[in-house]
C-alpha atoms as a PDB file:
ATOM      1  CA  MET A   1      30.431   6.236-104.851  1.00  0.00           C
ATOM      2  CA  ALA A   2      29.178   9.766-104.531  1.00  0.00           C
ATOM      3  CA  GLN A   3      31.546  12.397-103.326  1.00  0.00           C
ATOM      4  CA  VAL A   4      29.099  15.248-103.216  1.00  0.00           C
ATOM      5  CA  SER A   5      25.307  15.197-102.323  1.00  0.00           C
ATOM      6  CA  ILE A   6      22.873  17.712-103.797  1.00  0.00           C
ATOM      7  CA  VAL A   7      19.976  17.978-101.487  1.00  0.00           C
ATOM      8  CA  MET A   8      16.787  20.058-101.941  1.00  0.00           C
ATOM      9  CA  GLY A   9      13.604  20.391 -99.984  1.00  0.00           C
ATOM     10  CA  SER A  10      11.151  20.107-103.055  1.00  0.00           C
ATOM     11  CA  ASP A  11      11.180  19.138-106.727  1.00  0.00           C
ATOM     12  CA  SER A  12      10.412  22.928-107.380  1.00  0.00           C
ATOM     13  CA  ASP A  13      14.093  23.629-106.577  1.00  0.00           C
ATOM     14  CA  MET A  14      15.166  21.039-109.193  1.00  0.00           C
ATOM     15  CA  PRO A  15      15.474  23.603-112.131  1.00  0.00           C
ATOM     16  CA  VAL A  16      18.095  25.330-110.126  1.00  0.00           C
ATOM     17  CA  MET A  17      19.938  22.406-108.536  1.00  0.00           C
ATOM     18  CA  ARG A  18      20.155  20.602-111.764  1.00  0.00           C
ATOM     19  CA  LYS A  19      22.676  23.370-112.610  1.00  0.00           C
ATOM     20  CA  ALA A  20      24.949  22.031-109.834  1.00  0.00           C
ATOM     21  CA  ALA A  21      24.479  18.516-111.165  1.00  0.00           C
ATOM     22  CA  GLU A  22      25.458  19.324-114.732  1.00  0.00           C
ATOM     23  CA  MET A  23      28.603  21.268-113.502  1.00  0.00           C
ATOM     24  CA  LEU A  24      29.578  18.120-111.412  1.00  0.00           C
ATOM     25  CA  GLU A  25      29.337  15.916-114.573  1.00  0.00           C
ATOM     26  CA  THR A  26      31.254  18.232-116.524  1.00  0.00           C
ATOM     27  CA  LEU A  27      34.118  18.083-114.066  1.00  0.00           C
ATOM     28  CA  GLY A  28      33.668  14.367-113.568  1.00  0.00           C
ATOM     29  CA  VAL A  29      32.748  14.606-109.859  1.00  0.00           C
ATOM     30  CA  SER A  30      30.545  11.729-108.534  1.00  0.00           C
ATOM     31  CA  TYR A  31      27.337  12.875-106.820  1.00  0.00           C
ATOM     32  CA  GLU A  32      23.791  12.024-105.648  1.00  0.00           C
ATOM     33  CA  MET A  33      20.758  13.958-105.736  1.00  0.00           C
ATOM     34  CA  ARG A  34      18.024  14.004-102.987  1.00  0.00           C
ATOM     35  CA  ILE A  35      14.661  15.333-102.195  1.00  0.00           C
ATOM     36  CA  ILE A  36      14.324  15.684 -98.362  1.00  0.00           C
ATOM     37  CA  SER A  37      12.344  17.978 -96.170  1.00  0.00           C
ATOM     38  CA  ALA A  38      13.979  19.018 -92.936  1.00  0.00           C
ATOM     39  CA  HIS A  39      10.346  19.954 -91.880  1.00  0.00           C
ATOM     40  CA  ARG A  40       8.049  17.518 -93.463  1.00  0.00           C
ATOM     41  CA  GLU A  41      10.152  14.344 -92.721  1.00  0.00           C
ATOM     42  CA  PRO A  42      12.693  15.208 -89.958  1.00  0.00           C
ATOM     43  CA  ASP A  43      13.227  11.574 -89.134  1.00  0.00           C
ATOM     44  CA  ILE A  44      14.362  10.799 -92.780  1.00  0.00           C
ATOM     45  CA  PHE A  45      16.497  14.092 -92.734  1.00  0.00           C
ATOM     46  CA  PHE A  46      18.257  13.269 -89.616  1.00  0.00           C
ATOM     47  CA  GLU A  47      19.161   9.977 -90.847  1.00  0.00           C
ATOM     48  CA  TYR A  48      20.392  11.422 -94.108  1.00  0.00           C
ATOM     49  CA  ALA A  49      22.508  13.977 -92.609  1.00  0.00           C
ATOM     50  CA  LYS A  50      23.976  11.756 -89.928  1.00  0.00           C
ATOM     51  CA  THR A  51      24.954   8.965 -92.039  1.00  0.00           C
ATOM     52  CA  ALA A  52      26.118  11.058 -95.203  1.00  0.00           C
ATOM     53  CA  GLU A  53      29.873  10.915 -94.143  1.00  0.00           C
ATOM     54  CA  GLU A  54      29.879   7.056 -93.681  1.00  0.00           C
ATOM     55  CA  LYS A  55      28.627   6.934 -97.053  1.00  0.00           C
ATOM     56  CA  GLY A  56      31.463   8.769 -98.533  1.00  0.00           C
ATOM     57  CA  ILE A  57      30.064  12.019 -99.211  1.00  0.00           C
ATOM     58  CA  LYS A  58      32.616  14.811 -98.715  1.00  0.00           C
ATOM     59  CA  VAL A  59      30.614  17.802 -99.410  1.00  0.00           C
ATOM     60  CA  ILE A  60      26.775  18.608 -99.365  1.00  0.00           C
ATOM     61  CA  ILE A  61      25.358  21.225-101.580  1.00  0.00           C
ATOM     62  CA  ALA A  62      21.859  22.027 -99.932  1.00  0.00           C
ATOM     63  CA  GLY A  63      19.416  24.401-101.712  1.00  0.00           C
ATOM     64  CA  ALA A  64      16.422  25.946 -99.890  1.00  0.00           C
ATOM     65  CA  GLY A  65      14.131  28.740-100.043  1.00  0.00           C
ATOM     66  CA  MET A  66      12.015  30.891 -97.444  1.00  0.00           C
ATOM     67  CA  ALA A  67      13.079  29.946 -94.079  1.00  0.00           C
ATOM     68  CA  ALA A  68      15.903  27.779 -95.776  1.00  0.00           C
ATOM     69  CA  HIS A  69      16.655  25.543 -92.689  1.00  0.00           C
ATOM     70  CA  LEU A  70      17.940  22.636 -94.937  1.00  0.00           C
ATOM     71  CA  PRO A  71      21.531  23.922 -95.203  1.00  0.00           C
ATOM     72  CA  GLY A  72      22.048  24.829 -91.770  1.00  0.00           C
ATOM     73  CA  MET A  73      20.447  21.648 -90.357  1.00  0.00           C
ATOM     74  CA  CYS A  74      22.764  19.790 -92.707  1.00  0.00           C
ATOM     75  CA  ALA A  75      25.722  21.757 -91.289  1.00  0.00           C
ATOM     76  CA  ALA A  76      24.613  21.076 -87.638  1.00  0.00           C
ATOM     77  CA  LEU A  77      24.689  17.302 -88.090  1.00  0.00           C
ATOM     78  CA  PHE A  78      27.237  16.567 -91.011  1.00  0.00           C
ATOM     79  CA  PRO A  79      30.824  17.242 -89.968  1.00  0.00           C
ATOM     80  CA  LEU A  80      32.173  18.183 -93.484  1.00  0.00           C
ATOM     81  CA  PRO A  81      31.550  21.283 -95.621  1.00  0.00           C
ATOM     82  CA  VAL A  82      27.998  22.327 -96.536  1.00  0.00           C
ATOM     83  CA  ILE A  83      27.275  24.772 -99.295  1.00  0.00           C
ATOM     84  CA  GLY A  84      23.935  26.611 -99.293  1.00  0.00           C
ATOM     85  CA  VAL A  85      22.166  27.640-102.403  1.00  0.00           C
ATOM     86  CA  PRO A  86      19.630  30.224-101.493  1.00  0.00           C
ATOM     87  CA  MET A  87      16.367  29.781-103.884  1.00  0.00           C
ATOM     88  CA  HIS A  88      14.597  32.826-105.462  1.00  0.00           C
ATOM     89  CA  THR A  89      11.165  33.159-103.801  1.00  0.00           C
ATOM     90  CA  THR A  90       8.169  35.110-105.026  1.00  0.00           C
ATOM     91  CA  SER A  91       7.715  36.934-101.687  1.00  0.00           C
ATOM     92  CA  LEU A  92      10.916  38.229-101.065  1.00  0.00           C
ATOM     93  CA  GLY A  93      13.097  37.604-104.099  1.00  0.00           C
ATOM     94  CA  GLY A  94      15.344  35.050-102.382  1.00  0.00           C
ATOM     95  CA  ARG A  95      16.529  37.476 -99.840  1.00  0.00           C
ATOM     96  CA  ASP A  96      14.921  35.662 -97.010  1.00  0.00           C
ATOM     97  CA  SER A  97      16.592  32.402 -98.110  1.00  0.00           C
ATOM     98  CA  LEU A  98      19.860  34.238 -98.471  1.00  0.00           C
ATOM     99  CA  TYR A  99      19.594  35.672 -95.095  1.00  0.00           C
ATOM    100  CA  SER A 100      18.523  32.494 -93.328  1.00  0.00           C
ATOM    101  CA  ILE A 101      21.579  30.439 -94.874  1.00  0.00           C
ATOM    102  CA  VAL A 102      24.257  32.938 -94.484  1.00  0.00           C
ATOM    103  CA  GLN A 103      23.243  34.024 -90.997  1.00  0.00           C
ATOM    104  CA  MET A 104      24.266  30.882 -89.191  1.00  0.00           C
ATOM    105  CA  PRO A 105      25.124  30.728 -85.449  1.00  0.00           C
ATOM    106  CA  SER A 106      28.815  30.771 -84.604  1.00  0.00           C
ATOM    107  CA  GLY A 107      30.182  27.044 -84.953  1.00  0.00           C
ATOM    108  CA  ILE A 108      27.803  26.117 -87.585  1.00  0.00           C
ATOM    109  CA  PRO A 109      29.274  27.584 -90.897  1.00  0.00           C
ATOM    110  CA  VAL A 110      27.563  27.244 -94.129  1.00  0.00           C
ATOM    111  CA  ALA A 111      29.424  28.572 -97.260  1.00  0.00           C
ATOM    112  CA  THR A 112      26.736  30.550 -99.186  1.00  0.00           C
ATOM    113  CA  VAL A 113      26.457  31.221-102.933  1.00  0.00           C
ATOM    114  CA  ALA A 114      24.257  33.611-104.560  1.00  0.00           C
ATOM    115  CA  ILE A 115      20.597  33.253-104.922  1.00  0.00           C
ATOM    116  CA  ASN A 116      19.980  30.334-107.393  1.00  0.00           C
ATOM    117  CA  GLY A 117      23.814  29.921-107.730  1.00  0.00           C
ATOM    118  CA  ALA A 118      23.723  26.190-107.947  1.00  0.00           C
ATOM    119  CA  LYS A 119      26.511  26.126-110.674  1.00  0.00           C
ATOM    120  CA  ASN A 120      28.916  28.077-108.443  1.00  0.00           C
ATOM    121  CA  ALA A 121      28.000  25.862-105.513  1.00  0.00           C
ATOM    122  CA  ALA A 122      29.221  22.871-107.714  1.00  0.00           C
ATOM    123  CA  ILE A 123      32.433  24.560-108.571  1.00  0.00           C
ATOM    124  CA  LEU A 124      33.051  25.517-104.963  1.00  0.00           C
ATOM    125  CA  ALA A 125      32.350  21.837-104.097  1.00  0.00           C
ATOM    126  CA  ALA A 126      34.956  20.791-106.629  1.00  0.00           C
ATOM    127  CA  LYS A 127      37.481  23.177-105.392  1.00  0.00           C
ATOM    128  CA  ILE A 128      37.064  21.678-101.981  1.00  0.00           C
ATOM    129  CA  LEU A 129      37.623  18.134-103.482  1.00  0.00           C
ATOM    130  CA  ALA A 130      40.508  19.465-105.399  1.00  0.00           C
ATOM    131  CA  VAL A 131      42.593  20.159-102.423  1.00  0.00           C
ATOM    132  CA  SER A 132      43.429  16.416-102.403  1.00  0.00           C
ATOM    133  CA  ASP A 133      42.579  15.605-106.146  1.00  0.00           C
ATOM    134  CA  GLU A 134      45.321  16.723-108.570  1.00  0.00           C
ATOM    135  CA  ALA A 135      43.372  15.709-111.603  1.00  0.00           C
ATOM    136  CA  LEU A 136      40.167  17.659-110.603  1.00  0.00           C
ATOM    137  CA  LEU A 137      42.516  20.637-109.867  1.00  0.00           C
ATOM    138  CA  LEU A 138      43.752  20.325-113.296  1.00  0.00           C
ATOM    139  CA  LYS A 139      40.100  20.230-114.705  1.00  0.00           C
ATOM    140  CA  LEU A 140      39.290  23.347-112.750  1.00  0.00           C
ATOM    141  CA  LYS A 141      42.374  25.109-113.996  1.00  0.00           C
ATOM    142  CA  GLU A 142      41.457  24.142-117.720  1.00  0.00           C
ATOM    143  CA  MET A 143      37.849  25.436-116.909  1.00  0.00           C
ATOM    144  CA  ALA A 144      39.403  28.715-115.952  1.00  0.00           C
ATOM    145  CA  GLY A 145      41.515  29.021-119.037  1.00  0.00           C
ATOM    146  CA  ASP A 146      38.584  28.109-120.928  1.00  0.00           C
ATOM    147  CA  MET A 147      36.661  30.996-119.430  1.00  0.00           C
ATOM    148  CA  LYS A 148      39.426  33.415-119.979  1.00  0.00           C
ATOM    149  CA  LYS A 149      39.679  32.416-123.774  1.00  0.00           C
ATOM    150  CA  GLU A 150      35.954  32.974-124.073  1.00  0.00           C
ATOM    151  CA  VAL A 151      36.029  36.465-122.615  1.00  0.00           C
ATOM    152  CA  GLU A 152      39.123  37.361-124.799  1.00  0.00           C
ATOM    153  CA  ALA A 153      37.285  36.019-128.047  1.00  0.00           C
ATOM    154  CA  LYS A 154      34.397  38.187-126.947  1.00  0.00           C
ATOM    155  CA  ASP A 155      36.638  41.215-126.636  1.00  0.00           C
ATOM    156  CA  ALA A 156      38.307  40.742-130.014  1.00  0.00           C
ATOM    157  CA  ARG A 157      34.989  40.498-131.743  1.00  0.00           C
ATOM    158  CA  LEU A 158      34.094  43.716-129.971  1.00  0.00           C
ATOM    159  CA  GLN A 159      37.228  45.347-131.243  1.00  0.00           C
ATOM    160  CA  GLU A 160      36.918  44.209-134.760  1.00  0.00           C
ATOM    161  CA  GLU A 161      33.179  44.666-135.273  1.00  0.00           C
ATOM    162  CA  GLY A 162      32.963  47.792-133.257  1.00  0.00           C
ATOM    163  CA  PHE A 163      30.640  48.184-130.197  1.00  0.00           C
ATOM    164  CA  ARG A 164      27.872  49.550-132.378  1.00  0.00           C
ATOM    165  CA  ASN A 165      27.488  46.195-134.126  1.00  0.00           C
ATOM    166  CA  TYR A 166      28.030  44.020-131.153  1.00  0.00           C
END
């Protein structure tokens, strides 16, 4: 049973949202992935958002561009955490998406990551789940340790080779 639902309004969002799926797989978190449009198929969207909790979903990661209604509408209907991923857009570079997601009305919060930040959305979803999952918390701590070692190795290489050769 999936714990996280990754939802997007269009398959054009897949190259970004795939990064969330890849990170959840790395962490061993079960997920589902859906393409659902809040605008073009509102009846299907409403059914999805209203039944996600009873299907075992604990966190929704919703990617959206332009008017970016998908994350906010998920948050309005789904009682558990929603993480919004603003998509880069050609007209305003994703700022339109970012503002639409982050500026939710009082009482309807959406945690919002950077434009195209699906990987961080997955990590945040895992951190939310790790509150009650010690094995997942351990994986997150190991991942943080690996990132630290990676930076230290890069610094050591810089110090050994000198910045001119980097």
